[in-house]
Amino acid sequence: MRWENLTVESGGNPPRDAALFGADAVTTRTFDTPEFRGITFHEIRARSIVNRVPGASRMPFEWTVNPYRGCTHACVYCFARRTHSYLDLDTGLGFDSQIVVKVNAPELLRRHLGSRRWLGEHIAMGTNVDCYQRAEGRYQLMPGIIAALRDHANPFSILTKGTLILRDLDLLKQAAAVTEVGISVSVGFTDQELWRTVEPGTPAPERRLDVVRTLSGQGIDCGVLMAPVIPFLGDDPSQLRATVRAIAASGATSVTPLVLHLRPGAREWFMAWLGHHHPHLVRRYERLYAEGAYAPKWYQRRITRQVHELAEEYGIGPTRAAMPRRIPAPAPAAPGPTQLTLL
């Protein structure tokens, strides 16, 4: 995808062979407001919105909806960074500040759900970039998406770091009354210093746990994806204990730990960040991730065991049989290369 001549000011149109999007459907905007300063939005009219998960994936779902590409949460480890290269966009700062907005996502989804060929399968959201990132405050795509899923009683789940999900609480309650709705909030650690440097565009961990507390108080079960657990920075036993304790206090129904993984695109950006902020750890990371994107099995098993033991200690367990059935938070199949890759 080439982005030249797509700005409102130029009045240009995308090339006829523009990949992924309609040839007459890209508008580039910038907003001179504090919350969006330095961010460029590429508004597109997508050709489709429901995406099939690759067959080799171990994800516990087959279909996803992603109304945005790129993410202002700017998490330095985000595995989705590589997808920006498919659009000839930078996977570093470009991923954080060049946001593709599928402005017709709600209408596309409603049309798709109404198709005779659609079998009403589970749809996962937030598995690529966060659907409740800052841009959602302006574009407000999720209310239309949730309403479409509610009206078709289509099961769905949402994974987010965004507190904006509470804006749609009434819609989520309406949907949960007619279909299975699963909500997971991502909180990998509660360390304030680590959060400020590694997830600079996200709400603070305690604010995310307030989301869990609010949803639980409204009768919507909410799990926590404890991801990523960052080696040598967020994996000290005292840090793990503090995080699991805070998750338990929020009323989360489950906690699922995932160790940091570093895919191409994210790996380069994360290692550059590490060299700037923690240069003494670079060699240790090179050794730990020498075999590829995943930490060794022994390390993953150690973290998983510690978190599960802490969860049991603090009373976080599986949903009881008498409780309403929900789509569970994604869980890893087995440590190693088959580990889930949500973040």
Foldseek 3Di string as FASTA:
>chain_A
DDDPQQEPVSVGWADCPDPFAHRRFWYKDADPDVVQPQAIEIETAGPAFWDADDPVAPWPFGIEGEQKFAALLQQLQQPLLVVVVVVVFASHVRSNHYMYGNLCRLVRLLVVLPDPPDPLGEYEYLLRHAPQGPVCVPSVPVVSNLVSCQVSLRHYEYEHLHPCVVVCLVSQVSSVVRHFYAYEYEAQFQDPVCCCQRRVRGDHNLSSLLSCLVCVVVVHAYAYENPAQEPPPQQDLVGLLVVLLSNLVSVHQYYAYHYRFHAPSSNVSVLVSCCVPPVVCNVVVCVQQVPHGFGDQVVRVVSRVSNVVSCVVSVRDHDDPPGDDHDDDIYAPGPDPNGDNRD
